[in-house]
C-alpha atoms as a PDB file:
ATOM      1  CA  MET A   1     132.410 -18.077-122.574  1.00  0.00           C
ATOM      2  CA  ILE A   2     130.714 -15.628-124.922  1.00  0.00           C
ATOM      3  CA  ASN A   3     132.615 -12.834-126.599  1.00  0.00           C
ATOM      4  CA  LEU A   4     130.584  -9.719-127.302  1.00  0.00           C
ATOM      5  CA  LYS A   5     131.556  -6.970-129.661  1.00  0.00           C
ATOM      6  CA  ILE A   6     129.854  -3.888-131.027  1.00  0.00           C
ATOM      7  CA  THR A   7     130.200  -3.880-134.765  1.00  0.00           C
ATOM      8  CA  PRO A   8     131.323  -0.724-136.579  1.00  0.00           C
ATOM      9  CA  GLU A   9     127.957  -0.662-138.301  1.00  0.00           C
ATOM     10  CA  SER A  10     126.021  -0.702-135.019  1.00  0.00           C
ATOM     11  CA  GLN A  11     128.305   1.942-133.563  1.00  0.00           C
ATOM     12  CA  ALA A  12     127.837   4.143-136.589  1.00  0.00           C
ATOM     13  CA  GLU A  13     124.054   3.714-136.388  1.00  0.00           C
ATOM     14  CA  LEU A  14     124.066   4.677-132.680  1.00  0.00           C
ATOM     15  CA  PHE A  15     126.166   7.773-133.272  1.00  0.00           C
ATOM     16  CA  ALA A  16     123.970   8.805-136.189  1.00  0.00           C
ATOM     17  CA  GLU A  17     120.863   8.484-134.004  1.00  0.00           C
ATOM     18  CA  ILE A  18     122.467  10.555-131.259  1.00  0.00           C
ATOM     19  CA  ASP A  19     123.430  13.227-133.784  1.00  0.00           C
ATOM     20  CA  LYS A  20     119.828  13.415-134.977  1.00  0.00           C
ATOM     21  CA  LYS A  21     118.569  13.863-131.424  1.00  0.00           C
ATOM     22  CA  ILE A  22     121.118  16.611-130.730  1.00  0.00           C
ATOM     23  CA  ASP A  23     120.247  18.326-134.007  1.00  0.00           C
ATOM     24  CA  GLY A  24     116.578  18.082-133.099  1.00  0.00           C
ATOM     25  CA  MET A  25     117.162  19.753-129.744  1.00  0.00           C
ATOM     26  CA  LYS A  26     118.929  22.625-131.508  1.00  0.00           C
ATOM     27  CA  GLU A  27     115.642  23.366-133.281  1.00  0.00           C
ATOM     28  CA  LEU A  28     114.338  24.695-129.960  1.00  0.00           C
ATOM     29  CA  THR A  29     116.648  27.720-130.248  1.00  0.00           C
ATOM     30  CA  THR A  30     116.146  28.534-133.937  1.00  0.00           C
ATOM     31  CA  ALA A  31     114.558  31.693-135.308  1.00  0.00           C
ATOM     32  CA  TYR A  32     111.535  29.591-136.351  1.00  0.00           C
ATOM     33  CA  THR A  33     110.854  28.465-132.794  1.00  0.00           C
ATOM     34  CA  GLN A  34     111.426  31.913-131.357  1.00  0.00           C
ATOM     35  CA  LYS A  35     108.952  33.407-133.826  1.00  0.00           C
ATOM     36  CA  GLU A  36     106.409  30.697-133.036  1.00  0.00           C
ATOM     37  CA  LEU A  37     106.667  31.468-129.332  1.00  0.00           C
ATOM     38  CA  MET A  38     106.324  35.204-129.898  1.00  0.00           C
ATOM     39  CA  ASP A  39     103.271  34.699-132.143  1.00  0.00           C
ATOM     40  CA  VAL A  40     101.667  32.522-129.483  1.00  0.00           C
ATOM     41  CA  ALA A  41     102.524  34.918-126.663  1.00  0.00           C
ATOM     42  CA  PHE A  42     101.064  37.867-128.577  1.00  0.00           C
ATOM     43  CA  SER A  43      97.909  35.994-129.497  1.00  0.00           C
ATOM     44  CA  ILE A  44      97.222  34.952-125.906  1.00  0.00           C
ATOM     45  CA  ALA A  45      98.170  38.309-124.407  1.00  0.00           C
ATOM     46  CA  ALA A  46      96.287  40.428-126.945  1.00  0.00           C
ATOM     47  CA  LEU A  47      93.042  38.528-126.472  1.00  0.00           C
ATOM     48  CA  LYS A  48      93.427  38.704-122.704  1.00  0.00           C
ATOM     49  CA  PHE A  49      94.191  42.427-122.824  1.00  0.00           C
ATOM     50  CA  VAL A  50      91.134  43.197-124.952  1.00  0.00           C
ATOM     51  CA  LYS A  51      88.856  41.147-122.698  1.00  0.00           C
ATOM     52  CA  THR A  52      90.292  42.722-119.546  1.00  0.00           C
ATOM     53  CA  THR A  53      90.061  46.246-120.976  1.00  0.00           C
ATOM     54  CA  ASN A  54      86.461  45.781-122.104  1.00  0.00           C
ATOM     55  CA  MET A  55      85.506  44.691-118.579  1.00  0.00           C
ATOM     56  CA  TYR A  56      87.517  47.458-116.929  1.00  0.00           C
ATOM     57  CA  ALA A  57      86.055  50.119-119.219  1.00  0.00           C
ATOM     58  CA  ARG A  58      82.500  49.250-118.221  1.00  0.00           C
ATOM     59  CA  SER A  59      83.247  50.254-114.631  1.00  0.00           C
ATOM     60  CA  ASN A  60      85.494  53.201-115.593  1.00  0.00           C
ATOM     61  CA  LYS A  61      83.488  54.892-118.318  1.00  0.00           C
ATOM     62  CA  ASN A  62      84.739  58.386-117.567  1.00  0.00           C
ATOM     63  CA  ALA A  63      88.302  57.320-118.400  1.00  0.00           C
ATOM     64  CA  PHE A  64      87.653  54.939-121.312  1.00  0.00           C
ATOM     65  CA  HIS A  65      84.533  56.118-123.134  1.00  0.00           C
ATOM     66  CA  HIS A  66      86.680  57.691-125.868  1.00  0.00           C
ATOM     67  CA  VAL A  67      88.187  54.397-127.096  1.00  0.00           C
ATOM     68  CA  TYR A  68      84.751  52.974-127.889  1.00  0.00           C
ATOM     69  CA  GLU A  69      81.897  54.090-130.076  1.00  0.00           C
ATOM     70  CA  TRP A  70      79.299  56.361-128.503  1.00  0.00           C
ATOM     71  CA  GLN A  71      77.121  54.496-125.980  1.00  0.00           C
ATOM     72  CA  GLU A  72      79.060  51.255-126.486  1.00  0.00           C
ATOM     73  CA  VAL A  73      81.703  51.522-123.770  1.00  0.00           C
ATOM     74  CA  GLY A  74      83.144  48.113-122.933  1.00  0.00           C
ATOM     75  CA  ARG A  75      81.450  46.352-125.829  1.00  0.00           C
ATOM     76  CA  GLU A  76      83.620  44.478-128.295  1.00  0.00           C
ATOM     77  CA  SER A  77      81.395  45.666-131.133  1.00  0.00           C
ATOM     78  CA  GLY A  78      82.173  49.274-130.239  1.00  0.00           C
ATOM     79  CA  ARG A  79      85.909  48.950-129.630  1.00  0.00           C
ATOM     80  CA  LEU A  80      87.994  51.591-131.435  1.00  0.00           C
ATOM     81  CA  PHE A  81      91.462  50.543-130.242  1.00  0.00           C
ATOM     82  CA  ARG A  82      93.577  47.992-132.074  1.00  0.00           C
ATOM     83  CA  ILE A  83      96.621  46.088-130.801  1.00  0.00           C
ATOM     84  CA  ILE A  84      99.344  45.610-133.417  1.00  0.00           C
ATOM     85  CA  LYS A  85     102.467  43.436-133.429  1.00  0.00           C
ATOM     86  CA  ARG A  86     105.460  44.243-135.609  1.00  0.00           C
ATOM     87  CA  SER A  87     107.860  41.299-135.672  1.00  0.00           C
ATOM     88  CA  GLY A  88     111.604  41.817-135.312  1.00  0.00           C
ATOM     89  CA  SER A  89     114.575  39.480-135.353  1.00  0.00           C
ATOM     90  CA  ALA A  90     115.341  36.623-132.942  1.00  0.00           C
ATOM     91  CA  GLY A  91     111.741  36.359-131.773  1.00  0.00           C
ATOM     92  CA  ALA A  92     111.493  40.009-130.732  1.00  0.00           C
ATOM     93  CA  ALA A  93     108.487  42.177-131.504  1.00  0.00           C
ATOM     94  CA  THR A  94     107.112  45.651-130.972  1.00  0.00           C
ATOM     95  CA  ILE A  95     103.569  45.962-129.646  1.00  0.00           C
ATOM     96  CA  TYR A  96     101.655  49.204-130.102  1.00  0.00           C
ATOM     97  CA  THR A  97      98.147  50.582-130.494  1.00  0.00           C
ATOM     98  CA  ARG A  98      96.152  52.423-133.127  1.00  0.00           C
ATOM     99  CA  PHE A  99      92.664  53.892-132.997  1.00  0.00           C
ATOM    100  CA  ASN A 100      89.989  53.364-135.612  1.00  0.00           C
ATOM    101  CA  ASN A 101      87.812  56.270-136.704  1.00  0.00           C
ATOM    102  CA  SER A 102      84.432  56.575-135.069  1.00  0.00           C
ATOM    103  CA  LYS A 103      81.520  56.009-137.446  1.00  0.00           C
ATOM    104  CA  LYS A 104      78.579  56.848-135.211  1.00  0.00           C
ATOM    105  CA  GLN A 105      76.965  60.242-134.749  1.00  0.00           C
ATOM    106  CA  ALA A 106      77.678  61.886-131.410  1.00  0.00           C
ATOM    107  CA  PRO A 107      74.736  61.682-128.993  1.00  0.00           C
ATOM    108  CA  ILE A 108      72.380  64.639-128.845  1.00  0.00           C
ATOM    109  CA  ALA A 109      72.139  66.424-125.502  1.00  0.00           C
ATOM    110  CA  PRO A 110      68.703  65.968-123.866  1.00  0.00           C
ATOM    111  CA  ALA A 111      68.149  69.728-123.784  1.00  0.00           C
ATOM    112  CA  LEU A 112      68.429  69.843-127.579  1.00  0.00           C
ATOM    113  CA  ARG A 113      65.689  67.270-127.979  1.00  0.00           C
ATOM    114  CA  ASN A 114      63.104  69.587-126.470  1.00  0.00           C
ATOM    115  CA  PRO A 115      61.067  71.557-129.016  1.00  0.00           C
ATOM    116  CA  GLY A 116      62.142  75.167-129.472  1.00  0.00           C
ATOM    117  CA  PRO A 117      59.893  78.225-130.064  1.00  0.00           C
ATOM    118  CA  THR A 118      59.107  76.985-133.567  1.00  0.00           C
ATOM    119  CA  GLY A 119      58.546  73.445-132.406  1.00  0.00           C
ATOM    120  CA  ALA A 120      61.734  72.212-134.059  1.00  0.00           C
ATOM    121  CA  VAL A 121      64.096  69.775-132.343  1.00  0.00           C
ATOM    122  CA  VAL A 122      67.666  68.680-133.097  1.00  0.00           C
ATOM    123  CA  LYS A 123      67.434  65.379-134.940  1.00  0.00           C
ATOM    124  CA  ARG A 124      71.027  64.691-135.908  1.00  0.00           C
ATOM    125  CA  SER A 125      74.587  65.494-134.914  1.00  0.00           C
ATOM    126  CA  GLY A 126      77.996  65.185-136.515  1.00  0.00           C
ATOM    127  CA  VAL A 127      80.439  62.296-136.518  1.00  0.00           C
ATOM    128  CA  PHE A 128      83.563  62.934-134.473  1.00  0.00           C
ATOM    129  CA  LYS A 129      85.772  60.597-136.503  1.00  0.00           C
ATOM    130  CA  ASP A 130      89.027  61.067-134.611  1.00  0.00           C
ATOM    131  CA  LYS A 131      87.441  61.100-131.165  1.00  0.00           C
ATOM    132  CA  ALA A 132      89.716  58.418-129.673  1.00  0.00           C
ATOM    133  CA  ASN A 133      92.985  60.058-130.737  1.00  0.00           C
ATOM    134  CA  VAL A 134      91.892  63.592-129.898  1.00  0.00           C
ATOM    135  CA  MET A 135      90.449  62.773-126.497  1.00  0.00           C
ATOM    136  CA  GLU A 136      93.370  60.519-125.547  1.00  0.00           C
ATOM    137  CA  SER A 137      95.784  63.351-126.374  1.00  0.00           C
ATOM    138  CA  GLY A 138      93.859  65.783-124.188  1.00  0.00           C
ATOM    139  CA  LYS A 139      94.371  68.581-126.722  1.00  0.00           C
ATOM    140  CA  PRO A 140      91.721  71.260-127.211  1.00  0.00           C
ATOM    141  CA  VAL A 141      89.610  71.248-130.358  1.00  0.00           C
ATOM    142  CA  GLN A 142      88.758  74.201-132.572  1.00  0.00           C
ATOM    143  CA  PHE A 143      86.527  74.337-135.628  1.00  0.00           C
ATOM    144  CA  ILE A 144      84.634  76.902-137.684  1.00  0.00           C
ATOM    145  CA  THR A 145      80.929  76.346-138.124  1.00  0.00           C
ATOM    146  CA  THR A 146      79.661  75.830-141.663  1.00  0.00           C
ATOM    147  CA  ARG A 147      76.038  76.267-140.589  1.00  0.00           C
ATOM    148  CA  THR A 148      74.143  77.451-137.550  1.00  0.00           C
ATOM    149  CA  ILE A 149      74.441  74.833-134.862  1.00  0.00           C
ATOM    150  CA  ALA A 150      72.913  74.392-131.417  1.00  0.00           C
ATOM    151  CA  PHE A 151      74.961  73.648-128.312  1.00  0.00           C
ATOM    152  CA  SER A 152      73.919  72.706-124.815  1.00  0.00           C
ATOM    153  CA  PRO A 153      76.950  73.411-122.594  1.00  0.00           C
ATOM    154  CA  ASN A 154      76.904  70.842-119.771  1.00  0.00           C
ATOM    155  CA  ASN A 155      73.296  70.179-120.759  1.00  0.00           C
ATOM    156  CA  ARG A 156      72.265  73.546-119.370  1.00  0.00           C
ATOM    157  CA  GLY A 157      70.215  75.563-121.791  1.00  0.00           C
ATOM    158  CA  ILE A 158      70.733  76.020-125.512  1.00  0.00           C
ATOM    159  CA  VAL A 159      73.236  78.222-127.317  1.00  0.00           C
ATOM    160  CA  PHE A 160      72.943  78.882-131.062  1.00  0.00           C
ATOM    161  CA  VAL A 161      76.209  79.493-132.920  1.00  0.00           C
ATOM    162  CA  PRO A 162      75.914  81.095-136.388  1.00  0.00           C
ATOM    163  CA  THR A 163      77.852  80.149-139.506  1.00  0.00           C
ATOM    164  CA  GLY A 164      81.503  81.175-139.667  1.00  0.00           C
ATOM    165  CA  LYS A 165      82.129  81.321-135.928  1.00  0.00           C
ATOM    166  CA  THR A 166      85.075  79.574-134.269  1.00  0.00           C
ATOM    167  CA  ILE A 167      84.189  77.122-131.526  1.00  0.00           C
ATOM    168  CA  SER A 168      86.808  76.028-128.999  1.00  0.00           C
ATOM    169  CA  ILE A 169      86.420  72.997-126.766  1.00  0.00           C
ATOM    170  CA  LYS A 170      89.148  72.955-124.139  1.00  0.00           C
ATOM    171  CA  ASN A 171      88.782  69.337-123.042  1.00  0.00           C
ATOM    172  CA  PRO A 172      86.532  67.359-125.397  1.00  0.00           C
ATOM    173  CA  GLY A 173      86.814  64.074-123.524  1.00  0.00           C
ATOM    174  CA  GLY A 174      86.503  65.249-119.956  1.00  0.00           C
ATOM    175  CA  ASN A 175      89.041  65.392-117.142  1.00  0.00           C
ATOM    176  CA  ASP A 176      89.698  61.654-116.863  1.00  0.00           C
ATOM    177  CA  VAL A 177      90.545  60.608-120.414  1.00  0.00           C
ATOM    178  CA  LYS A 178      93.892  62.292-121.168  1.00  0.00           C
ATOM    179  CA  GLY A 179      96.455  59.499-121.568  1.00  0.00           C
ATOM    180  CA  SER A 180      94.242  57.036-119.696  1.00  0.00           C
ATOM    181  CA  PHE A 181      94.307  54.295-122.310  1.00  0.00           C
ATOM    182  CA  GLY A 182      98.033  54.656-122.977  1.00  0.00           C
ATOM    183  CA  LYS A 183      98.883  54.342-119.289  1.00  0.00           C
ATOM    184  CA  HIS A 184      96.621  51.320-118.948  1.00  0.00           C
ATOM    185  CA  PHE A 185      98.152  49.690-122.037  1.00  0.00           C
ATOM    186  CA  ILE A 186     101.770  50.075-120.881  1.00  0.00           C
ATOM    187  CA  ALA A 187     101.061  48.995-117.299  1.00  0.00           C
ATOM    188  CA  TRP A 188      99.099  45.890-118.324  1.00  0.00           C
ATOM    189  CA  TRP A 189     101.656  44.597-120.832  1.00  0.00           C
ATOM    190  CA  ASN A 190     104.618  45.247-118.535  1.00  0.00           C
ATOM    191  CA  ILE A 191     102.957  43.326-115.708  1.00  0.00           C
ATOM    192  CA  ASN A 192     101.282  40.463-117.574  1.00  0.00           C
ATOM    193  CA  PHE A 193     103.297  39.698-120.712  1.00  0.00           C
ATOM    194  CA  PRO A 194     106.476  38.237-119.078  1.00  0.00           C
ATOM    195  CA  SER A 195     104.531  35.309-117.588  1.00  0.00           C
ATOM    196  CA  ILE A 196     101.981  34.810-120.344  1.00  0.00           C
ATOM    197  CA  LEU A 197     103.593  31.669-121.839  1.00  0.00           C
ATOM    198  CA  ASP A 198     104.138  29.921-118.513  1.00  0.00           C
ATOM    199  CA  ASP A 199     100.618  30.741-117.337  1.00  0.00           C
ATOM    200  CA  SER A 200      99.088  29.470-120.578  1.00  0.00           C
ATOM    201  CA  GLY A 201     100.673  26.012-120.360  1.00  0.00           C
ATOM    202  CA  VAL A 202     102.094  26.187-123.890  1.00  0.00           C
ATOM    203  CA  ILE A 203     105.692  25.607-122.706  1.00  0.00           C
ATOM    204  CA  VAL A 204     104.740  22.372-120.928  1.00  0.00           C
ATOM    205  CA  ASN A 205     102.822  21.310-124.027  1.00  0.00           C
ATOM    206  CA  ILE A 206     105.879  21.889-126.223  1.00  0.00           C
ATOM    207  CA  GLN A 207     108.115  19.935-123.840  1.00  0.00           C
ATOM    208  CA  LYS A 208     105.793  16.929-123.861  1.00  0.00           C
ATOM    209  CA  ASN A 209     105.317  16.884-127.625  1.00  0.00           C
ATOM    210  CA  VAL A 210     109.035  17.344-128.373  1.00  0.00           C
ATOM    211  CA  ALA A 211     109.935  14.529-125.960  1.00  0.00           C
ATOM    212  CA  ARG A 212     107.456  12.207-127.650  1.00  0.00           C
ATOM    213  CA  ALA A 213     108.740  13.178-131.088  1.00  0.00           C
ATOM    214  CA  LEU A 214     112.405  12.536-130.222  1.00  0.00           C
ATOM    215  CA  ASN A 215     111.534   9.203-128.660  1.00  0.00           C
ATOM    216  CA  ARG A 216     110.887   7.810-132.118  1.00  0.00           C
ATOM    217  CA  LYS A 217     113.778   6.237-133.988  1.00  0.00           C
ATOM    218  CA  GLY A 218     115.200   8.479-136.684  1.00  0.00           C
ATOM    219  CA  ALA A 219     113.480  11.584-135.327  1.00  0.00           C
ATOM    220  CA  GLY A 220     115.481  14.781-135.643  1.00  0.00           C
ATOM    221  CA  ARG A 221     115.094  18.433-136.534  1.00  0.00           C
ATOM    222  CA  SER A 222     112.014  18.096-138.752  1.00  0.00           C
ATOM    223  CA  ALA A 223     110.209  16.008-136.128  1.00  0.00           C
ATOM    224  CA  VAL A 224     110.882  18.626-133.474  1.00  0.00           C
ATOM    225  CA  ARG A 225     109.663  21.417-135.743  1.00  0.00           C
ATOM    226  CA  GLU A 226     106.451  19.509-136.422  1.00  0.00           C
ATOM    227  CA  ALA A 227     105.994  18.949-132.684  1.00  0.00           C
ATOM    228  CA  ILE A 228     106.449  22.656-131.988  1.00  0.00           C
ATOM    229  CA  PHE A 229     103.956  23.542-134.703  1.00  0.00           C
ATOM    230  CA  ARG A 230     101.376  21.118-133.255  1.00  0.00           C
ATOM    231  CA  SER A 231     101.953  22.514-129.785  1.00  0.00           C
ATOM    232  CA  THR A 232     101.476  26.155-130.750  1.00  0.00           C
ATOM    233  CA  SER A 233      98.901  26.125-133.550  1.00  0.00           C
ATOM    234  CA  ALA A 234      95.896  25.913-131.215  1.00  0.00           C
ATOM    235  CA  TYR A 235      97.031  29.042-129.369  1.00  0.00           C
ATOM    236  CA  LYS A 236      97.551  31.247-132.436  1.00  0.00           C
ATOM    237  CA  THR A 237      94.001  32.525-132.751  1.00  0.00           C
ATOM    238  CA  VAL A 238      94.831  36.046-133.959  1.00  0.00           C
ATOM    239  CA  GLY A 239      97.257  37.496-136.473  1.00  0.00           C
ATOM    240  CA  SER A 240      99.432  40.550-136.044  1.00  0.00           C
ATOM    241  CA  ILE A 241      96.431  42.864-135.512  1.00  0.00           C
ATOM    242  CA  ILE A 242      93.467  42.479-133.204  1.00  0.00           C
END
């Protein structure tokens, strides 16, 4: 007959190992992990939103031309909108947009390129810096001329406006632009963001790496944190602004 007995030392070692595993699992609910997940979710979603919007804008130029540089609708190089994340507590965040100033001169109407009575043509135009904000708001624009300027209303003929006159443009972006980007932004994020982590596969990746980490003897909280970092680092391709 053989008598078996678990020694106090072995029992203590087993309990200590179990405590480490339990402590490691608690790391999954810490503020660190929640922030990592939010950073990953934003990075994936923001890149996807920009790509989707660029494609959508190319086929809906009347509604989205204002959030790109002149004659660059749908091109990443001409994008004027920025997506910004402001982190909160417990993995929460606020996502919002800002528009960059336009740097390119507005296009010259074809009618203004034709030589006038003196043979002169319009060779340059002004820069409408705040075009994205103004057109998105749908508000009319007024300004006082500082020199004689030429207009071609709806590309029909030429009108010369002398210095010191007030010009009013009721709808500078056209009928389709008012609030178009804002509506698109809210609708896209409300529909797509809730499932972005599951669709990306990052959750499954975290589960696998954490399980492998905890399978090692002595692994605890620090091992789990390292596993989470390895699982998420490849997905965090942008910062808090894109």
